[in-house]
Amino acid sequence: MFDLLSESPLGRRGRLTTPHGVIESPFFMPVGTGGAMKGLSHHEIVELGAQILLCNTYHLHLRPGETIVQEIGGLHEYIGWNKPILTDSGGYQVFSLRGISKIDETGVKFQSHIDGSPLFIGPEESMKIQHALGSDIIMCFDHCPPSTAARADILAAVDRTLRWAAICKKTHDELNARNGTASLLFGIVQGGLEADLRKKCAEELIAIGFDGYAVGGLAVGETEAEMYDVLDYVLPSLPKDKPRYLMGVGKINQLLESVKKGIDMFDCVLPMREARHGNLILSADETIKISAGRYLHDHSVIDEHSPSPLSRLHRKSYLSYLLRTGERYGETIACMQNLGLTLQALDDLRGQMDS
């Protein structure tokens, strides 16, 4: 259930209730693809302000497999996480692994990126896997083409996404009823940069009826301006009383701008990926290459106002040395800084909305 508490020029303030707790929106979801985040403990990401963890259906299906996870009672028990979990459906892998996959009307035939073994995921399979994992928020299995693909290809992806969405909805409702669960199901609006196809997809998903609506197929090749244009013509079509999720976007300035346009929730690997490459976020407008040699002589504290205690403790020179020499602790410090500032940006925004 989603309660829209207020609207202002800053954006929408809401509250999303899930089987494993309430989430205050707008919010950012750290990405724990296989049930963990590289270099960070669950305790640490909660201390930084995480309200929910995103895990990936495709990767968990490969290893360890949903059967093993289900044996212990679901992903929450398996990984020791007592807050909500959203599972991506595997649909993004239709885009990211398109070189080793084949799409037809029933689903997608993949070759495992691990050992090349064949596997198949379709809308029904995706729902069954996500329910076995015990996800709180389940995503429809969709076809995500590059945003810059030809119109004919995008139209085909939209039609396929809609056909699969209807199957996902039917299967999800049956599994919730059979298992006595109350997992939420979100539809995903595709359509590339084509305004009419985005509107068609949104309207037909709304007709099916979902607990929330995601805007997918962005941050996959288009410009920032084009991404905002898509939001401008998609969001007015979506129900006000349902959460709106912009998938795969994680730059702080883009989060804040997208919230102003009406988005409630986000996920992205960017804060962690940038950290591992030595790019340290200091504010919405400032990122530094901390692994650059000049920081070996900068003995100032990394960030005295950071939500991460490690950034308040350690020096830029120490972090630069750790990252340049491949010490894992350096990645932990940098990841906590970047994730902490990303989570804090939306926490601060909620505070402004409430004042």
Protein backbone atom coordinates (compact mmCIF):
# COMPACT_ATOMS: atom_id res chain seq x y z
CA MET A 1 0.00 0.00 0.00
CA PHE A 2 1.25 3.50 -0.85
CA ASP A 3 0.16 6.65 0.98
CA LEU A 4 0.88 9.92 -0.79
CA LEU A 5 1.41 12.26 2.15
CA SER A 6 2.12 15.54 0.36
CA GLU A 7 3.15 17.19 -2.89
CA SER A 8 5.34 20.27 -3.24
CA PRO A 9 7.77 21.86 -5.71
CA LEU A 10 10.38 19.55 -4.16
CA GLY A 11 8.40 16.48 -5.18
CA ARG A 12 6.13 13.83 -3.68
CA ARG A 13 6.41 12.67 -0.05
CA GLY A 14 5.00 9.21 0.54
CA ARG A 15 5.03 6.02 2.57
CA LEU A 16 5.15 2.53 1.06
CA THR A 17 4.03 -0.39 3.23
CA THR A 18 5.45 -3.83 2.42
CA PRO A 19 5.32 -7.23 4.17
CA HIS A 20 8.69 -6.49 5.81
CA GLY A 21 8.16 -2.91 6.84
CA VAL A 22 7.39 0.66 5.87
CA ILE A 23 9.60 2.69 3.53
CA GLU A 24 9.61 6.48 3.57
CA SER A 25 9.74 7.99 0.09
CA PRO A 26 11.44 9.32 -1.92
CA PHE A 27 14.13 6.69 -1.41
CA PHE A 28 17.18 5.08 -2.99
CA MET A 29 17.78 1.32 -3.04
CA PRO A 30 21.32 -0.02 -2.66
CA VAL A 31 21.95 -2.84 -5.13
CA GLY A 32 22.91 -6.13 -3.51
CA THR A 33 22.78 -8.15 -6.71
CA GLY A 34 23.36 -11.59 -5.23
CA GLY A 35 22.14 -10.74 -1.73
CA ALA A 36 25.23 -8.78 -0.67
CA MET A 37 27.08 -5.56 -1.42
CA LYS A 38 30.80 -5.80 -2.19
CA GLY A 39 32.84 -4.77 0.81
CA LEU A 40 29.91 -3.63 3.01
CA SER A 41 27.95 -5.45 5.69
CA HIS A 42 24.18 -5.24 5.97
CA HIS A 43 24.64 -3.47 9.30
CA GLU A 44 26.79 -0.80 7.66
CA ILE A 45 24.32 0.00 4.89
CA VAL A 46 21.46 0.21 7.41
CA GLU A 47 23.56 2.58 9.52
CA LEU A 48 24.03 4.71 6.39
CA GLY A 49 20.24 4.96 6.04
CA ALA A 50 19.20 2.14 3.70
CA GLN A 51 15.53 1.22 4.06
CA ILE A 52 15.40 -1.53 1.44
CA LEU A 53 17.78 -3.74 -0.55
CA LEU A 54 17.52 -4.59 -4.25
CA CYS A 55 18.52 -8.11 -5.31
CA ASN A 56 18.57 -9.65 -8.78
CA THR A 57 16.43 -12.56 -9.92
CA TYR A 58 18.68 -13.71 -12.75
CA HIS A 59 21.83 -13.85 -10.61
CA LEU A 60 20.14 -15.51 -7.62
CA HIS A 61 18.50 -18.04 -9.95
CA LEU A 62 21.95 -19.04 -11.21
CA ARG A 63 23.62 -19.06 -7.80
CA PRO A 64 22.65 -20.29 -5.23
CA GLY A 65 19.27 -21.02 -6.85
CA GLU A 66 15.85 -20.14 -5.45
CA THR A 67 15.31 -23.70 -4.17
CA ILE A 68 18.16 -23.34 -1.68
CA VAL A 69 16.91 -19.90 -0.62
CA GLN A 70 13.36 -21.20 -0.20
CA GLU A 71 14.56 -24.05 2.03
CA ILE A 72 15.40 -21.63 4.83
CA GLY A 73 12.25 -19.55 4.36
CA GLY A 74 13.23 -16.97 1.76
CA LEU A 75 15.85 -14.37 1.01
CA HIS A 76 15.36 -12.38 4.22
CA GLU A 77 16.30 -15.37 6.35
CA TYR A 78 18.99 -16.56 3.95
CA ILE A 79 20.95 -13.28 3.95
CA GLY A 80 19.95 -12.02 7.41
CA TRP A 81 18.09 -8.91 6.25
CA ASN A 82 14.92 -7.94 8.13
CA LYS A 83 13.91 -4.98 6.00
CA PRO A 84 12.08 -4.94 2.63
CA ILE A 85 13.64 -6.46 -0.49
CA LEU A 86 12.86 -5.63 -4.11
CA THR A 87 13.87 -8.16 -6.74
CA ASP A 88 14.60 -7.08 -10.28
CA SER A 89 12.85 -9.50 -12.61
CA GLY A 90 15.74 -10.45 -14.86
CA GLY A 91 14.35 -8.21 -17.58
CA TYR A 92 17.38 -5.92 -17.49
CA GLN A 93 19.53 -8.92 -18.40
CA VAL A 94 17.54 -9.05 -21.65
CA PHE A 95 19.38 -5.78 -22.39
CA SER A 96 22.72 -6.30 -20.70
CA LEU A 97 23.22 -9.90 -21.88
CA ARG A 98 21.68 -9.50 -25.31
CA GLY A 99 24.83 -10.91 -26.89
CA ILE A 100 24.25 -14.29 -25.22
CA SER A 101 20.46 -14.42 -25.21
CA LYS A 102 17.61 -15.01 -27.63
CA ILE A 103 14.13 -13.55 -27.22
CA ASP A 104 10.88 -15.07 -28.41
CA GLU A 105 7.27 -14.57 -27.39
CA THR A 106 7.53 -17.01 -24.48
CA GLY A 107 10.57 -15.45 -22.84
CA VAL A 108 14.34 -15.33 -23.11
CA LYS A 109 16.82 -18.12 -23.64
CA PHE A 110 20.10 -17.22 -21.96
CA GLN A 111 23.53 -18.68 -21.84
CA SER A 112 24.83 -18.43 -18.31
CA HIS A 113 27.50 -15.74 -18.08
CA ILE A 114 29.24 -18.05 -15.60
CA ASP A 115 29.65 -21.30 -17.51
CA GLY A 116 27.63 -20.93 -20.71
CA SER A 117 24.94 -23.39 -19.66
CA PRO A 118 21.47 -22.78 -21.13
CA LEU A 119 18.59 -21.38 -19.09
CA PHE A 120 15.19 -19.90 -19.81
CA ILE A 121 13.28 -17.13 -18.05
CA GLY A 122 9.84 -16.01 -19.12
CA PRO A 123 7.16 -14.04 -17.29
CA GLU A 124 5.76 -17.05 -15.45
CA GLU A 125 9.22 -18.32 -14.52
CA SER A 126 10.27 -14.90 -13.26
CA MET A 127 7.22 -14.68 -10.98
CA LYS A 128 7.82 -18.15 -9.58
CA ILE A 129 11.49 -17.42 -8.88
CA GLN A 130 10.74 -14.09 -7.17
CA HIS A 131 7.99 -15.61 -5.04
CA ALA A 132 10.31 -18.46 -4.04
CA LEU A 133 12.87 -15.84 -3.01
CA GLY A 134 10.19 -14.19 -0.84
CA SER A 135 10.54 -10.71 -2.30
CA ASP A 136 8.44 -7.84 -0.91
CA ILE A 137 8.35 -5.93 -4.21
CA ILE A 138 8.35 -8.06 -7.35
CA MET A 139 9.03 -6.62 -10.78
CA CYS A 140 7.30 -7.72 -13.97
CA PHE A 141 9.47 -9.49 -16.52
CA ASP A 142 9.89 -7.01 -19.36
CA HIS A 143 11.81 -6.48 -22.58
CA CYS A 144 14.27 -3.61 -22.16
CA PRO A 145 15.72 -2.50 -25.51
CA PRO A 146 18.41 0.18 -25.85
CA SER A 147 16.72 3.59 -25.61
CA THR A 148 18.26 4.51 -28.95
CA ALA A 149 16.96 1.40 -30.78
CA ALA A 150 14.92 1.71 -33.97
CA ARG A 151 11.24 2.55 -33.48
CA ALA A 152 10.11 -0.81 -34.86
CA ASP A 153 12.27 -2.62 -32.32
CA ILE A 154 10.98 -0.46 -29.47
CA LEU A 155 7.36 -1.06 -30.53
CA ALA A 156 7.97 -4.80 -30.57
CA ALA A 157 9.52 -4.57 -27.08
CA VAL A 158 6.53 -2.58 -25.78
CA ASP A 159 4.02 -5.09 -27.14
CA ARG A 160 6.03 -7.97 -25.70
CA THR A 161 6.35 -6.19 -22.34
CA LEU A 162 2.58 -5.75 -22.21
CA ARG A 163 1.84 -9.37 -23.09
CA TRP A 164 4.31 -10.53 -20.48
CA ALA A 165 2.89 -8.10 -17.90
CA ALA A 166 -0.56 -9.68 -18.18
CA ILE A 167 0.98 -13.12 -17.58
CA CYS A 168 3.02 -11.78 -14.66
CA LYS A 169 -0.08 -10.29 -13.05
CA LYS A 170 -2.09 -13.50 -13.37
CA THR A 171 0.75 -15.68 -12.07
CA HIS A 172 1.58 -13.28 -9.24
CA ASP A 173 -2.01 -13.12 -8.01
CA GLU A 174 -2.28 -16.92 -8.07
CA LEU A 175 0.96 -17.33 -6.12
CA ASN A 176 0.00 -14.73 -3.52
CA ALA A 177 -3.35 -16.46 -3.02
CA ARG A 178 -1.83 -19.96 -2.90
CA ASN A 179 0.95 -19.02 -0.50
CA GLY A 180 -1.01 -16.58 1.66
CA THR A 181 1.52 -13.82 0.89
CA ALA A 182 1.10 -10.14 0.09
CA SER A 183 4.05 -9.33 -2.16
CA LEU A 184 3.61 -6.21 -4.30
CA LEU A 185 3.93 -6.31 -8.09
CA PHE A 186 5.18 -3.39 -10.19
CA GLY A 187 4.69 -2.97 -13.93
CA ILE A 188 7.47 -1.48 -16.05
CA VAL A 189 6.82 1.23 -18.64
CA GLN A 190 8.97 0.76 -21.74
CA GLY A 191 8.96 2.73 -25.00
CA GLY A 192 12.42 4.17 -25.46
CA LEU A 193 12.35 7.84 -26.43
CA GLU A 194 9.04 7.51 -28.29
CA ALA A 195 6.39 9.57 -26.47
CA ASP A 196 3.40 7.76 -27.98
CA LEU A 197 4.84 4.32 -27.21
CA ARG A 198 5.58 5.31 -23.62
CA LYS A 199 2.00 6.54 -23.24
CA LYS A 200 0.59 3.38 -24.83
CA CYS A 201 2.65 1.20 -22.48
CA ALA A 202 1.66 3.20 -19.39
CA GLU A 203 -2.05 3.19 -20.22
CA GLU A 204 -2.20 -0.52 -20.94
CA LEU A 205 -0.25 -1.39 -17.79
CA ILE A 206 -2.64 0.75 -15.75
CA ALA A 207 -5.55 -1.14 -17.32
CA ILE A 208 -4.01 -4.41 -16.09
CA GLY A 209 -3.51 -2.89 -12.63
CA PHE A 210 -0.31 -2.97 -10.56
CA ASP A 211 0.81 -1.91 -7.08
CA GLY A 212 3.37 0.47 -8.55
CA TYR A 213 4.84 1.56 -11.87
CA ALA A 214 8.47 1.73 -12.93
CA VAL A 215 9.96 3.71 -15.78
CA GLY A 216 12.47 1.37 -17.39
CA GLY A 217 14.74 1.52 -20.39
CA LEU A 218 16.49 4.73 -19.34
CA ALA A 219 20.13 5.39 -18.41
CA VAL A 220 20.98 2.97 -21.23
CA GLY A 221 22.40 5.32 -23.85
CA GLU A 222 20.24 8.44 -24.00
CA THR A 223 21.24 11.92 -22.84
CA GLU A 224 20.19 13.37 -19.51
CA ALA A 225 17.87 15.82 -21.29
CA GLU A 226 16.22 12.96 -23.18
CA MET A 227 15.71 11.07 -19.92
CA TYR A 228 13.98 14.06 -18.36
CA ASP A 229 11.82 14.47 -21.46
CA VAL A 230 10.61 10.88 -21.06
CA LEU A 231 9.67 11.55 -17.44
CA ASP A 232 7.80 14.70 -18.47
CA TYR A 233 5.50 12.81 -20.79
CA VAL A 234 5.22 9.54 -18.86
CA LEU A 235 4.61 10.64 -15.27
CA PRO A 236 1.36 12.57 -15.91
CA SER A 237 -0.08 9.29 -17.24
CA LEU A 238 0.66 7.34 -14.06
CA PRO A 239 -1.74 7.10 -11.09
CA LYS A 240 -1.00 9.56 -8.31
CA ASP A 241 -1.78 7.01 -5.63
CA LYS A 242 0.82 4.48 -6.75
CA PRO A 243 4.62 4.63 -6.27
CA ARG A 244 6.74 5.61 -9.26
CA TYR A 245 10.14 4.00 -9.71
CA LEU A 246 12.89 5.26 -12.03
CA MET A 247 15.15 2.28 -12.66
CA GLY A 248 18.93 2.45 -12.91
CA VAL A 249 19.50 6.13 -12.07
CA GLY A 250 21.86 7.07 -9.24
CA LYS A 251 23.57 10.44 -9.76
CA ILE A 252 22.51 12.68 -6.90
CA ASN A 253 21.62 15.68 -9.08
CA GLN A 254 19.51 13.39 -11.30
CA LEU A 255 17.75 11.91 -8.26
CA LEU A 256 16.78 15.34 -6.96
CA GLU A 257 15.59 16.54 -10.36
CA SER A 258 13.62 13.36 -10.96
CA VAL A 259 11.91 13.65 -7.57
CA LYS A 260 10.80 17.16 -8.55
CA LYS A 261 9.21 15.63 -11.63
CA GLY A 262 7.29 13.06 -9.57
CA ILE A 263 9.53 10.00 -9.02
CA ASP A 264 9.43 8.23 -5.63
CA MET A 265 12.11 5.53 -5.76
CA PHE A 266 15.44 4.72 -7.42
CA ASP A 267 18.18 2.12 -7.67
CA CYS A 268 21.62 2.14 -9.23
CA VAL A 269 25.03 0.48 -8.96
CA LEU A 270 26.73 3.80 -9.83
CA PRO A 271 27.73 4.99 -6.30
CA MET A 272 29.49 1.70 -5.58
CA ARG A 273 30.99 1.28 -9.05
CA GLU A 274 32.38 4.81 -9.02
CA ALA A 275 33.84 4.20 -5.56
CA ARG A 276 35.67 1.08 -6.67
CA HIS A 277 37.18 3.09 -9.52
CA GLY A 278 38.44 5.76 -7.14
CA ASN A 279 35.78 8.38 -7.85
CA LEU A 280 34.61 9.85 -4.57
CA ILE A 281 31.35 11.78 -4.18
CA LEU A 282 31.66 14.80 -1.88
CA SER A 283 28.37 16.49 -2.79
CA ALA A 284 25.69 16.52 -5.47
CA ASP A 285 27.99 18.71 -7.54
CA GLU A 286 31.46 17.47 -6.62
CA THR A 287 33.19 14.18 -7.38
CA ILE A 288 36.95 13.82 -7.09
CA LYS A 289 39.38 11.21 -8.41
CA ILE A 290 40.71 10.27 -4.97
CA SER A 291 43.06 7.65 -6.41
CA ALA A 292 44.95 10.38 -8.31
CA GLY A 293 48.53 10.85 -7.18
CA ARG A 294 48.02 14.40 -5.95
CA TYR A 295 45.80 13.15 -3.10
CA LEU A 296 48.71 11.12 -1.66
CA HIS A 297 49.85 14.45 -0.19
CA ASP A 298 46.39 15.66 0.93
CA HIS A 299 46.19 14.84 4.62
CA SER A 300 42.80 16.46 5.21
CA VAL A 301 39.90 14.35 6.48
CA ILE A 302 37.99 12.69 3.64
CA ASP A 303 34.67 14.34 4.55
CA GLU A 304 34.12 15.67 8.07
CA HIS A 305 30.36 15.93 7.53
CA SER A 306 29.90 12.51 5.92
CA PRO A 307 27.25 10.06 7.15
CA SER A 308 30.04 7.45 7.00
CA PRO A 309 32.16 7.27 10.18
CA LEU A 310 35.08 6.00 8.08
CA SER A 311 35.14 9.20 6.03
CA ARG A 312 35.16 11.27 9.22
CA LEU A 313 38.03 9.19 10.59
CA HIS A 314 40.41 8.70 7.67
CA ARG A 315 42.52 11.04 5.53
CA LYS A 316 42.35 11.55 1.79
CA SER A 317 46.02 10.58 1.55
CA TYR A 318 45.33 7.22 3.25
CA LEU A 319 42.35 6.42 1.02
CA SER A 320 44.30 7.39 -2.10
CA TYR A 321 47.11 5.03 -1.05
CA LEU A 322 44.70 2.16 -0.30
CA LEU A 323 42.95 2.41 -3.65
CA ARG A 324 46.17 2.82 -5.62
CA THR A 325 47.60 -0.33 -4.03
CA GLY A 326 44.43 -2.40 -4.37
CA GLU A 327 43.72 -2.74 -0.65
CA ARG A 328 40.12 -3.89 -0.17
CA TYR A 329 39.64 -1.58 2.81
CA GLY A 330 40.00 1.36 0.45
CA GLU A 331 36.98 0.16 -1.54
CA THR A 332 34.99 -0.15 1.68
CA ILE A 333 35.79 3.40 2.74
CA ALA A 334 34.98 4.81 -0.71
CA CYS A 335 31.79 2.76 -1.08
CA MET A 336 30.48 3.87 2.30
CA GLN A 337 31.18 7.50 1.38
CA ASN A 338 29.40 7.35 -1.97
CA LEU A 339 26.45 5.28 -0.80
CA GLY A 340 26.12 7.33 2.37
CA LEU A 341 25.92 10.64 0.52
CA THR A 342 23.43 9.22 -1.99
CA LEU A 343 21.13 7.96 0.78
CA GLN A 344 21.59 11.16 2.76
CA ALA A 345 20.56 13.32 -0.20
CA LEU A 346 17.09 11.79 -0.23
CA ASP A 347 16.88 11.65 3.56
CA ASP A 348 17.61 15.39 3.66
CA LEU A 349 15.05 15.96 0.94
CA ARG A 350 12.37 14.11 2.94
CA GLY A 351 13.24 16.31 5.89
CA GLN A 352 12.75 19.44 3.79
CA MET A 353 9.40 18.12 2.58
CA ASP A 354 8.28 17.47 6.16
CA SER A 355 9.30 20.87 7.51
